[in-house]
């Protein structure tokens, strides 16, 4: 897990406590939103009411959506307007955000903390949207597919770049944003033209330590924040310290980090952490299906944050699309959890991958149980459950909640000890967990099939010799297998399903 260690016995203790809390206690994160939640301001109230249930099923941390005012009512939160307005001021058409008021958010965080659940805020720091006034400045238009290629001469435009926050006034911060605090915008109001416009001026340029896609992927959307400007860096670092202190947060989910200066990402987290005598966790969204690129990012940021395992997500998506034509032996190949297991946050789907979104790549329903079994029961990685998979999308109940509950129970009670993989067949793979002495009756065997009914002989260790094991997900009701004197047993799985076997004794 990526946390900061300084020359302090106290902080070293906190780091070790976090590793124990997440890894030894089998911690689980939940992304507590999906893209199509209703704009009724009810999420914070629901979260507060749900805190006890989340604790009971084994959720140890919650990633909450962008909680601050966006450019319009009902926005999911990624069109960020005012980082300091978390449902407190009458701005952009409402006091509350899509999810509720500041007071309701504070009550939800208290309820989660009462259940010993950590809270990670989605930090959207790449851009700002919904400026209060236009300003005049010079730009050069660039090629959308190659942001280093200039299209025509430098010319003057009007752009929405002045953020004065009249509804908030000067409370919490008196900083106002102007055109020189940004490096690019996507709309020329003078000529009513859309595009990518690189702002010109002294010291102006794209950041050079961002993703190299499209030549330079500093620019993503709206008014692109320029972290080369020292006043901008100071203001956002001030906000990071303020929001952690004001809301007693435990960390951040860092949005769109491949578009932000890697130096700033690392320095932001260092700056925030040095002001708190407790762990401030961070996980970044670096949407790259390339373990080498993710490893490079981790190295460049000195492992100040974990990363979501995007390559594993795409492996699961591809497996779900190809069915029996996918070689299951490749399920973990190229994943972050293979090369950086302590820095990988594993997930099946999220708000970006769900249907209808720009990064649409959902894992098909038939593959969801196996995918969650994989991330929840393997030894490595910090698994994250998606709200849409557990509660449902657009108000429709999820068909996967029951099996996820079952897998969470197995994770809490059985998923301990060493792991041995049996990825030796293109259509049926599995692994075993040996269990340990600290967790009575722990240990498990998992099988995944993408074609036929199948079986595989696996060794769970001589510690389990003579035990009778049963299947947890309901595929083989009443059936048991006996572990032989060498620790071997033959486990079965139905076609296109997952099976999870463990000691028949209830812990």
Protein backbone atom coordinates (compact mmCIF):
# COMPACT_ATOMS: atom_id res chain seq x y z
CA UNK A 1 0.00 0.00 0.00
CA UNK A 2 1.33 3.43 -0.92
CA UNK A 3 1.72 5.59 2.15
CA UNK A 4 4.42 8.03 3.21
CA UNK A 5 7.06 6.99 5.74
CA UNK A 6 9.10 9.70 7.40
CA UNK A 7 11.63 9.55 10.21
CA UNK A 8 9.04 8.96 12.87
CA UNK A 9 8.36 5.84 14.92
CA UNK A 10 4.73 6.92 15.14
CA UNK A 11 4.25 7.13 11.39
CA UNK A 12 6.10 3.85 10.92
CA UNK A 13 3.67 2.27 13.36
CA UNK A 14 0.74 3.70 11.39
CA UNK A 15 2.14 2.24 8.19
CA UNK A 16 2.50 -1.23 9.72
CA UNK A 17 -0.98 -0.95 11.21
CA UNK A 18 -2.41 -0.13 7.78
CA UNK A 19 -0.70 -3.13 6.16
CA UNK A 20 -2.12 -5.35 8.91
CA UNK A 21 -5.56 -3.77 8.67
CA UNK A 22 -5.87 -4.15 4.89
CA UNK A 23 -3.90 -7.30 4.13
CA UNK A 24 -4.25 -9.42 7.29
CA UNK A 25 -7.89 -8.52 7.84
CA UNK A 26 -8.65 -8.88 4.13
CA UNK A 27 -9.74 -5.29 3.59
CA UNK A 28 -12.17 -4.41 0.80
CA UNK A 29 -12.90 -1.06 -0.82
CA UNK A 30 -16.29 -0.18 -2.28
CA UNK A 31 -16.87 2.45 -4.93
CA UNK A 32 -20.09 3.88 -3.53
CA UNK A 33 -21.69 5.32 -6.68
CA UNK A 34 -22.45 4.61 -10.32
CA UNK A 35 -22.85 7.07 -13.18
CA UNK A 36 -26.64 7.01 -13.42
CA UNK A 37 -27.64 7.64 -9.80
CA UNK A 38 -30.72 9.87 -9.52
CA UNK A 39 -30.21 13.60 -8.95
CA UNK A 40 -32.18 13.64 -5.70
CA UNK A 41 -29.53 14.49 -3.11
CA UNK A 42 -30.05 11.22 -1.26
CA UNK A 43 -26.70 9.40 -1.56
CA UNK A 44 -25.07 10.75 1.60
CA UNK A 45 -28.15 9.82 3.66
CA UNK A 46 -28.21 6.34 2.13
CA UNK A 47 -24.51 5.91 2.83
CA UNK A 48 -24.94 6.86 6.48
CA UNK A 49 -27.79 4.38 6.86
CA UNK A 50 -25.76 1.70 5.06
CA UNK A 51 -22.59 2.04 7.15
CA UNK A 52 -23.40 -0.78 9.58
CA UNK A 53 -24.31 -3.17 6.76
CA UNK A 54 -21.11 -2.36 4.88
CA UNK A 55 -19.08 -3.18 7.97
CA UNK A 56 -20.94 -6.44 8.46
CA UNK A 57 -20.18 -7.69 4.94
CA UNK A 58 -16.49 -6.82 5.28
CA UNK A 59 -16.13 -3.46 3.53
CA UNK A 60 -13.27 -1.60 5.20
CA UNK A 61 -13.10 1.53 3.03
CA UNK A 62 -15.44 3.52 0.81
CA UNK A 63 -14.51 5.59 -2.24
CA UNK A 64 -17.07 8.37 -2.44
CA UNK A 65 -17.79 10.39 -5.62
CA UNK A 66 -16.60 13.95 -6.24
CA UNK A 67 -18.42 15.70 -3.41
CA UNK A 68 -17.98 19.32 -4.45
CA UNK A 69 -19.97 21.69 -6.62
CA UNK A 70 -19.89 20.98 -10.34
CA UNK A 71 -20.73 23.25 -13.26
CA UNK A 72 -24.44 22.32 -13.22
CA UNK A 73 -26.94 20.68 -10.86
CA UNK A 74 -27.05 16.93 -11.22
CA UNK A 75 -23.54 16.58 -12.61
CA UNK A 76 -21.76 13.42 -11.43
CA UNK A 77 -19.00 15.68 -10.15
CA UNK A 78 -16.24 15.43 -12.74
CA UNK A 79 -17.08 18.81 -14.28
CA UNK A 80 -15.58 20.41 -11.18
CA UNK A 81 -16.41 24.02 -10.40
CA UNK A 82 -15.51 24.78 -6.76
CA UNK A 83 -13.45 22.34 -4.68
CA UNK A 84 -14.30 24.23 -1.49
CA UNK A 85 -18.08 23.94 -1.88
CA UNK A 86 -19.18 20.50 -0.73
CA UNK A 87 -22.87 21.26 -0.72
CA UNK A 88 -22.75 24.41 1.42
CA UNK A 89 -23.26 27.43 -0.85
CA UNK A 90 -25.91 28.50 -3.35
CA UNK A 91 -23.88 28.17 -6.55
CA UNK A 92 -24.55 26.76 -10.01
CA UNK A 93 -28.25 26.38 -9.37
CA UNK A 94 -28.31 24.66 -5.98
CA UNK A 95 -26.87 24.44 -2.49
CA UNK A 96 -26.59 20.65 -2.41
CA UNK A 97 -24.61 18.61 -4.89
CA UNK A 98 -26.09 15.64 -6.73
CA UNK A 99 -25.41 13.63 -3.58
CA UNK A 100 -26.60 15.94 -0.80
CA UNK A 101 -25.49 18.74 1.49
CA UNK A 102 -22.25 19.26 3.37
CA UNK A 103 -23.95 18.42 6.66
CA UNK A 104 -25.27 15.14 5.25
CA UNK A 105 -21.80 14.29 3.95
CA UNK A 106 -20.28 14.93 7.37
CA UNK A 107 -22.90 12.70 8.98
CA UNK A 108 -22.16 9.92 6.48
CA UNK A 109 -18.42 10.11 7.19
CA UNK A 110 -19.06 9.97 10.95
CA UNK A 111 -21.32 6.94 10.48
CA UNK A 112 -18.64 5.17 8.44
CA UNK A 113 -15.92 5.99 10.95
CA UNK A 114 -18.13 4.68 13.76
CA UNK A 115 -18.01 1.35 11.90
CA UNK A 116 -14.21 1.64 11.40
CA UNK A 117 -14.64 2.17 7.66
CA UNK A 118 -12.17 4.53 5.97
CA UNK A 119 -13.35 7.23 3.55
CA UNK A 120 -11.53 8.15 0.33
CA UNK A 121 -12.69 11.24 -1.58
CA UNK A 122 -12.55 11.35 -5.38
CA UNK A 123 -10.11 14.19 -6.09
CA UNK A 124 -10.71 15.74 -9.53
CA UNK A 125 -7.72 18.06 -9.94
CA UNK A 126 -7.04 18.00 -13.69
CA UNK A 127 -9.51 20.66 -14.80
CA UNK A 128 -12.19 23.18 -13.83
CA UNK A 129 -15.55 23.84 -15.48
CA UNK A 130 -18.35 26.38 -15.35
CA UNK A 131 -16.34 29.61 -15.00
CA UNK A 132 -18.14 32.73 -13.80
CA UNK A 133 -16.80 35.15 -16.43
CA UNK A 134 -15.03 35.25 -19.78
CA UNK A 135 -11.53 36.63 -20.27
CA UNK A 136 -9.48 37.62 -23.31
CA UNK A 137 -6.13 35.95 -24.04
CA UNK A 138 -4.03 34.46 -26.84
CA UNK A 139 -4.04 30.83 -27.94
CA UNK A 140 -2.92 28.56 -30.71
CA UNK A 141 -5.19 25.79 -31.85
CA UNK A 142 -3.63 22.32 -31.82
CA UNK A 143 -4.38 19.01 -33.46
CA UNK A 144 -6.63 16.86 -31.30
CA UNK A 145 -4.65 13.74 -32.26
CA UNK A 146 -1.26 15.40 -31.78
CA UNK A 147 -1.33 18.20 -29.22
CA UNK A 148 2.23 19.17 -30.16
CA UNK A 149 1.11 20.13 -33.68
CA UNK A 150 0.04 23.77 -34.05
CA UNK A 151 -2.82 24.54 -36.46
CA UNK A 152 -2.39 28.09 -37.72
CA UNK A 153 -1.11 31.25 -36.07
CA UNK A 154 -1.51 32.55 -32.54
CA UNK A 155 -4.68 34.60 -32.16
CA UNK A 156 -6.88 36.22 -29.54
CA UNK A 157 -10.04 34.59 -28.17
CA UNK A 158 -12.48 34.92 -25.31
CA UNK A 159 -12.66 31.96 -22.96
CA UNK A 160 -14.48 30.99 -19.78
CA UNK A 161 -11.55 31.09 -17.36
CA UNK A 162 -12.41 33.50 -14.53
CA UNK A 163 -13.61 31.64 -11.43
CA UNK A 164 -14.60 34.07 -8.68
CA UNK A 165 -17.09 31.86 -6.75
CA UNK A 166 -19.60 34.64 -5.89
CA UNK A 167 -21.81 32.25 -3.95
CA UNK A 168 -18.99 31.29 -1.58
CA UNK A 169 -17.26 34.64 -1.45
CA UNK A 170 -13.87 34.40 0.23
CA UNK A 171 -14.74 31.68 2.73
CA UNK A 172 -12.04 29.01 3.07
CA UNK A 173 -9.96 30.58 0.26
CA UNK A 174 -9.73 34.00 -1.42
CA UNK A 175 -8.03 32.60 -4.51
CA UNK A 176 -9.58 33.50 -7.88
CA UNK A 177 -8.70 31.64 -11.04
CA UNK A 178 -7.77 33.48 -14.26
CA UNK A 179 -6.71 32.48 -17.77
CA UNK A 180 -3.01 32.36 -16.80
CA UNK A 181 -3.76 29.60 -14.27
CA UNK A 182 -4.70 27.24 -17.12
CA UNK A 183 -2.79 25.77 -20.04
CA UNK A 184 -5.67 25.04 -22.42
CA UNK A 185 -9.42 25.23 -22.98
CA UNK A 186 -11.90 23.64 -25.38
CA UNK A 187 -14.15 26.55 -26.40
CA UNK A 188 -13.56 29.92 -28.06
CA UNK A 189 -16.55 32.08 -27.10
CA UNK A 190 -15.58 34.94 -29.40
CA UNK A 191 -15.76 32.81 -32.54
CA UNK A 192 -18.16 30.18 -31.15
CA UNK A 193 -15.73 27.38 -31.95
CA UNK A 194 -14.86 24.18 -30.14
CA UNK A 195 -11.44 22.54 -30.26
CA UNK A 196 -8.28 22.31 -28.22
CA UNK A 197 -6.75 25.73 -27.67
CA UNK A 198 -3.33 25.93 -26.05
CA UNK A 199 -3.00 29.12 -24.02
CA UNK A 200 -0.04 31.34 -24.90
CA UNK A 201 1.99 33.47 -22.51
CA UNK A 202 5.20 33.61 -20.52
CA UNK A 203 6.11 30.15 -19.26
CA UNK A 204 3.06 28.59 -20.91
CA UNK A 205 3.32 25.06 -22.27
CA UNK A 206 1.86 21.61 -21.76
CA UNK A 207 3.31 19.70 -18.85
CA UNK A 208 6.05 17.40 -20.10
CA UNK A 209 5.74 14.64 -17.49
CA UNK A 210 2.31 13.36 -18.46
CA UNK A 211 1.14 10.50 -20.65
CA UNK A 212 2.57 10.56 -24.18
CA UNK A 213 -0.64 9.52 -25.93
CA UNK A 214 -1.74 12.07 -28.56
CA UNK A 215 1.78 13.47 -28.45
CA UNK A 216 1.12 14.99 -25.04
CA UNK A 217 -1.98 14.13 -23.00
CA UNK A 218 -1.87 17.02 -20.55
CA UNK A 219 -5.13 18.35 -21.96
CA UNK A 220 -8.25 16.28 -21.24
CA UNK A 221 -11.27 18.57 -20.99
CA UNK A 222 -12.68 21.97 -19.94
CA UNK A 223 -10.14 24.48 -18.56
CA UNK A 224 -6.92 22.51 -18.04
CA UNK A 225 -5.17 23.37 -14.75
CA UNK A 226 -1.55 24.51 -15.17
CA UNK A 227 0.48 23.05 -12.30
CA UNK A 228 3.63 24.79 -13.51
CA UNK A 229 2.13 27.99 -12.08
CA UNK A 230 3.32 28.19 -8.45
CA UNK A 231 0.14 29.89 -7.21
CA UNK A 232 -1.96 27.06 -8.64
CA UNK A 233 0.18 24.38 -6.99
CA UNK A 234 -0.02 26.19 -3.62
CA UNK A 235 -3.79 26.63 -3.85
CA UNK A 236 -4.53 23.00 -4.67
CA UNK A 237 -2.17 21.76 -1.96
CA UNK A 238 -3.91 24.09 0.47
CA UNK A 239 -7.23 22.57 -0.58
CA UNK A 240 -5.89 19.04 -0.03
CA UNK A 241 -4.89 19.84 3.54
CA UNK A 242 -8.13 21.73 4.17
CA UNK A 243 -10.49 19.03 2.91
CA UNK A 244 -8.76 16.24 4.85
CA UNK A 245 -8.89 18.31 8.04
CA UNK A 246 -12.45 19.61 7.57
CA UNK A 247 -13.98 16.22 6.79
CA UNK A 248 -11.60 13.88 8.63
CA UNK A 249 -10.86 12.02 5.40
CA UNK A 250 -8.63 8.96 5.22
CA UNK A 251 -7.39 9.49 1.69
CA UNK A 252 -8.08 10.15 -1.97
CA UNK A 253 -8.97 8.45 -5.20
CA UNK A 254 -6.96 10.58 -7.63
CA UNK A 255 -8.81 11.11 -10.92
CA UNK A 256 -7.15 11.17 -14.36
CA UNK A 257 -3.57 11.11 -13.07
CA UNK A 258 -2.07 10.29 -16.46
CA UNK A 259 -3.10 13.82 -17.54
CA UNK A 260 -1.55 15.60 -14.52
CA UNK A 261 2.11 16.38 -13.91
CA UNK A 262 3.55 13.34 -12.15
CA UNK A 263 5.73 15.65 -10.07
CA UNK A 264 2.66 17.50 -8.85
CA UNK A 265 0.78 14.28 -8.00
CA UNK A 266 3.68 13.10 -5.83
CA UNK A 267 4.24 16.53 -4.24
CA UNK A 268 0.53 17.00 -3.54
CA UNK A 269 0.41 13.77 -1.56
CA UNK A 270 3.64 14.55 0.29
CA UNK A 271 2.34 18.00 1.20
CA UNK A 272 -0.96 16.71 2.52
CA UNK A 273 0.58 13.84 4.48
CA UNK A 274 3.19 15.90 6.28
CA UNK A 275 0.41 17.82 8.04
CA UNK A 276 -1.30 14.76 9.59
CA UNK A 277 -0.08 12.31 12.18
CA UNK A 278 -2.02 9.50 10.55
CA UNK A 279 -2.05 7.60 7.29
CA UNK A 280 -3.46 9.36 4.23
CA UNK A 281 -4.05 6.70 1.58
CA UNK A 282 -4.17 7.36 -2.17
CA UNK A 283 -5.05 5.36 -5.27
CA UNK A 284 -4.77 6.78 -8.76
CA UNK A 285 -6.80 6.26 -11.91
CA UNK A 286 -4.18 5.85 -14.63
CA UNK A 287 -6.30 4.41 -17.44
CA UNK A 288 -3.59 2.48 -19.30
CA UNK A 289 -3.88 -1.12 -20.44
CA UNK A 290 -0.13 -1.57 -20.13
CA UNK A 291 1.61 -2.85 -17.01
CA UNK A 292 4.90 -1.31 -18.15
CA UNK A 293 3.34 2.16 -18.37
CA UNK A 294 1.77 1.72 -14.92
CA UNK A 295 5.09 0.57 -13.47
CA UNK A 296 6.75 3.64 -15.03
CA UNK A 297 4.14 5.91 -13.42
CA UNK A 298 4.68 4.30 -10.02
CA UNK A 299 8.43 4.75 -10.34
CA UNK A 300 8.14 8.38 -11.49
CA UNK A 301 5.86 9.24 -8.54
CA UNK A 302 8.11 7.32 -6.10
CA UNK A 303 5.20 5.00 -5.25
CA UNK A 304 3.31 7.73 -3.42
CA UNK A 305 0.03 6.09 -4.45
CA UNK A 306 -1.46 2.78 -5.49
CA UNK A 307 -3.02 2.35 -8.95
CA UNK A 308 -6.15 0.66 -10.20
CA UNK A 309 -5.29 -2.52 -12.08
CA UNK A 310 -6.64 -1.48 -15.49
CA UNK A 311 -4.90 -4.31 -17.41
CA UNK A 312 -6.62 -6.91 -15.19
CA UNK A 313 -9.97 -5.23 -15.86
CA UNK A 314 -9.37 -5.49 -19.61
CA UNK A 315 -8.36 -9.14 -19.27
CA UNK A 316 -11.67 -9.81 -17.51
CA UNK A 317 -13.59 -7.81 -20.13
CA UNK A 318 -11.91 -9.68 -22.99
CA UNK A 319 -12.50 -13.04 -21.30
CA UNK A 320 -16.17 -12.19 -20.90
CA UNK A 321 -16.49 -11.19 -24.57
CA UNK A 322 -14.63 -14.15 -26.08
CA UNK A 323 -16.05 -16.87 -23.84
CA UNK A 324 -14.52 -20.26 -24.61
CA UNK A 325 -12.24 -18.64 -27.20
CA UNK A 326 -10.30 -16.87 -24.43
CA UNK A 327 -7.31 -18.71 -22.97
CA UNK A 328 -7.88 -18.54 -19.23
CA UNK A 329 -4.18 -19.15 -18.61
CA UNK A 330 -3.71 -15.50 -19.65
CA UNK A 331 -6.23 -14.13 -17.17
CA UNK A 332 -3.58 -12.55 -14.94
CA UNK A 333 -0.95 -11.90 -17.60
CA UNK A 334 0.13 -8.28 -17.90
CA UNK A 335 -1.78 -7.28 -14.77
CA UNK A 336 -0.45 -4.81 -12.23
CA UNK A 337 -1.18 -7.25 -9.42
CA UNK A 338 1.43 -9.59 -10.89
CA UNK A 339 4.28 -7.07 -10.98
CA UNK A 340 3.34 -4.72 -8.09
CA UNK A 341 0.99 -6.74 -5.85
CA UNK A 342 1.16 -4.32 -2.90
CA UNK A 343 0.35 -1.30 -5.09
CA UNK A 344 -2.51 -2.79 -7.13
CA UNK A 345 -6.18 -2.02 -6.51
CA UNK A 346 -8.06 -4.74 -8.36
CA UNK A 347 -11.55 -4.13 -9.74
CA UNK A 348 -14.06 -5.69 -12.12
CA UNK A 349 -15.96 -2.61 -13.36
CA UNK A 350 -16.43 1.04 -12.41
CA UNK A 351 -18.42 4.12 -13.43
CA UNK A 352 -16.22 4.70 -16.50
CA UNK A 353 -16.35 1.15 -17.83
CA UNK A 354 -20.11 0.74 -17.44
CA UNK A 355 -22.36 0.80 -20.49
CA UNK A 356 -22.82 4.17 -22.15
CA UNK A 357 -19.60 5.75 -20.89
CA UNK A 358 -16.57 6.95 -22.84
CA UNK A 359 -14.39 4.11 -21.54
CA UNK A 360 -17.17 1.53 -21.92
CA UNK A 361 -15.73 -1.96 -21.39
CA UNK A 362 -18.07 -3.82 -19.03
CA UNK A 363 -17.44 -7.36 -17.90
CA UNK A 364 -20.38 -9.47 -19.10
CA UNK A 365 -22.81 -10.78 -16.50
CA UNK A 366 -21.84 -14.43 -16.98
CA UNK A 367 -18.23 -13.59 -16.04
CA UNK A 368 -18.97 -11.28 -13.09
CA UNK A 369 -19.10 -14.02 -10.37
CA UNK A 370 -15.78 -15.50 -11.50
CA UNK A 371 -14.21 -12.04 -11.76
CA UNK A 372 -15.23 -11.08 -8.24
CA UNK A 373 -14.10 -14.46 -6.93
CA UNK A 374 -10.71 -13.83 -8.52
CA UNK A 375 -10.14 -10.38 -7.00
CA UNK A 376 -11.72 -11.13 -3.60
CA UNK A 377 -10.13 -14.49 -2.89
CA UNK A 378 -6.61 -14.20 -4.30
CA UNK A 379 -3.86 -13.26 -1.89
CA UNK A 380 -2.57 -10.19 -3.67
CA UNK A 381 -4.22 -6.85 -4.45
CA UNK A 382 -6.63 -4.52 -2.67
CA UNK A 383 -10.06 -5.38 -4.18
CA UNK A 384 -12.67 -2.73 -4.97
CA UNK A 385 -16.36 -3.58 -5.40
CA UNK A 386 -18.43 -1.44 -7.78
CA UNK A 387 -21.71 -0.01 -6.48
CA UNK A 388 -23.42 -0.90 -9.75
CA UNK A 389 -22.46 -4.56 -9.43
CA UNK A 390 -23.62 -4.77 -5.82
CA UNK A 391 -26.68 -2.50 -5.67
CA UNK A 392 -27.57 -2.07 -9.34
CA UNK A 393 -27.66 0.53 -12.12
CA UNK A 394 -30.41 3.05 -12.90
CA UNK A 395 -32.46 1.82 -9.95
CA UNK A 396 -32.57 -1.81 -11.12
CA UNK A 397 -31.35 -4.30 -8.51
CA UNK A 398 -28.14 -6.14 -9.32
CA UNK A 399 -28.32 -9.86 -9.99
CA UNK A 400 -24.82 -10.23 -8.51
CA UNK A 401 -25.37 -9.05 -4.94
CA UNK A 402 -25.99 -12.53 -3.56
CA UNK A 403 -22.83 -14.07 -4.95
CA UNK A 404 -20.74 -11.04 -3.95
CA UNK A 405 -22.07 -11.38 -0.39
CA UNK A 406 -21.07 -15.05 -0.44
CA UNK A 407 -17.59 -14.26 -1.73
CA UNK A 408 -17.14 -11.51 0.85
CA UNK A 409 -18.01 -13.99 3.59
CA UNK A 410 -15.49 -16.47 2.20
CA UNK A 411 -12.89 -13.69 2.06
CA UNK A 412 -13.49 -12.75 5.72
CA UNK A 413 -13.44 -16.29 7.03
CA UNK A 414 -11.37 -18.44 4.64
CA UNK A 415 -9.09 -16.44 2.33
CA UNK A 416 -5.83 -16.68 4.27
CA UNK A 417 -2.42 -18.24 3.85
CA UNK A 418 -0.24 -18.86 0.85
CA UNK A 419 -1.59 -19.18 -2.69
CA UNK A 420 -0.73 -21.73 -5.37
CA UNK A 421 -2.01 -21.20 -8.89
CA UNK A 422 -3.22 -23.90 -11.28
CA UNK A 423 -3.36 -21.89 -14.50
CA UNK A 424 -2.55 -24.92 -16.63
CA UNK A 425 -5.55 -25.33 -18.95
CA UNK A 426 -7.06 -22.85 -21.46
CA UNK A 427 -10.61 -23.58 -20.28
CA UNK A 428 -10.36 -24.27 -16.54
CA UNK A 429 -7.99 -22.56 -14.11
CA UNK A 430 -7.87 -22.22 -10.37
CA UNK A 431 -5.89 -21.57 -7.26
CA UNK A 432 -5.80 -22.66 -3.63
CA UNK A 433 -5.22 -20.76 -0.42
CA UNK A 434 -3.55 -22.82 2.29
CA UNK A 435 -5.16 -21.14 5.30
CA UNK A 436 -3.27 -20.31 8.49
CA UNK A 437 -3.32 -21.13 12.18
CA UNK A 438 -4.71 -17.73 13.17
CA UNK A 439 -7.98 -18.35 11.29
CA UNK A 440 -9.54 -21.71 12.15
CA UNK A 441 -10.95 -23.65 9.18
CA UNK A 442 -9.42 -21.17 6.72
CA UNK A 443 -8.21 -22.20 3.28
CA UNK A 444 -10.07 -22.54 -0.03
CA UNK A 445 -9.96 -23.88 -3.56
CA UNK A 446 -11.26 -21.87 -6.53
CA UNK A 447 -12.01 -23.02 -10.08
CA UNK A 448 -13.13 -20.98 -13.13
CA UNK A 449 -14.49 -22.55 -16.33
CA UNK A 450 -15.25 -20.79 -19.61
CA UNK A 451 -16.45 -23.85 -21.54
CA UNK A 452 -17.43 -27.28 -20.17
CA UNK A 453 -18.12 -28.83 -16.80
CA UNK A 454 -14.65 -29.60 -15.50
CA UNK A 455 -12.60 -30.81 -12.59
CA UNK A 456 -9.06 -30.32 -11.38
CA UNK A 457 -6.97 -32.01 -8.73
CA UNK A 458 -5.27 -29.43 -6.53
CA UNK A 459 -3.24 -29.58 -3.34
CA UNK A 460 -4.46 -27.49 -0.40
CA UNK A 461 -1.76 -28.69 2.00
CA UNK A 462 -1.34 -31.58 4.42
CA UNK A 463 -2.71 -29.32 7.16
CA UNK A 464 -6.18 -30.09 5.74
CA UNK A 465 -5.77 -33.87 5.38
CA UNK A 466 -8.97 -35.72 6.20
CA UNK A 467 -11.20 -32.62 6.09
CA UNK A 468 -14.44 -32.63 4.17
CA UNK A 469 -14.92 -29.57 1.95
CA UNK A 470 -18.10 -28.14 0.41
CA UNK A 471 -18.86 -25.65 -2.35
CA UNK A 472 -19.88 -22.12 -1.26
CA UNK A 473 -21.74 -20.58 -4.22
CA UNK A 474 -24.47 -23.24 -4.52
CA UNK A 475 -23.24 -25.07 -7.62
CA UNK A 476 -23.10 -28.44 -5.85
CA UNK A 477 -25.60 -28.41 -2.96
CA UNK A 478 -24.99 -31.17 -0.44
CA UNK A 479 -21.84 -32.45 -2.18
CA UNK A 480 -18.56 -32.77 -0.28
CA UNK A 481 -15.03 -33.82 -1.18
CA UNK A 482 -12.43 -35.28 1.19
CA UNK A 483 -8.85 -34.03 1.31
CA UNK A 484 -6.45 -36.99 1.14
CA UNK A 485 -3.41 -37.56 3.34
CA UNK A 486 -1.15 -35.56 1.00
CA UNK A 487 -3.53 -32.58 0.90
CA UNK A 488 -4.96 -33.37 -2.55
CA UNK A 489 -8.56 -33.36 -3.69
CA UNK A 490 -10.40 -33.22 -6.99
CA UNK A 491 -12.69 -30.20 -7.21
CA UNK A 492 -15.45 -29.65 -9.77
CA UNK A 493 -16.85 -26.59 -11.57
CA UNK A 494 -19.87 -26.18 -13.85
CA UNK A 495 -19.54 -24.94 -17.43
CA UNK A 496 -19.02 -21.17 -17.59
CA UNK A 497 -19.12 -20.85 -13.81
CA UNK A 498 -16.93 -20.40 -10.75
CA UNK A 499 -16.81 -22.78 -7.81
CA UNK A 500 -15.32 -22.07 -4.39
CA UNK A 501 -14.62 -24.93 -2.01
CA UNK A 502 -13.75 -24.77 1.70
CA UNK A 503 -13.87 -26.76 4.93
CA UNK A 504 -17.45 -27.82 5.66
CA UNK A 505 -17.15 -26.75 9.31
CA UNK A 506 -18.70 -23.34 9.94
CA UNK A 507 -16.18 -20.99 11.58
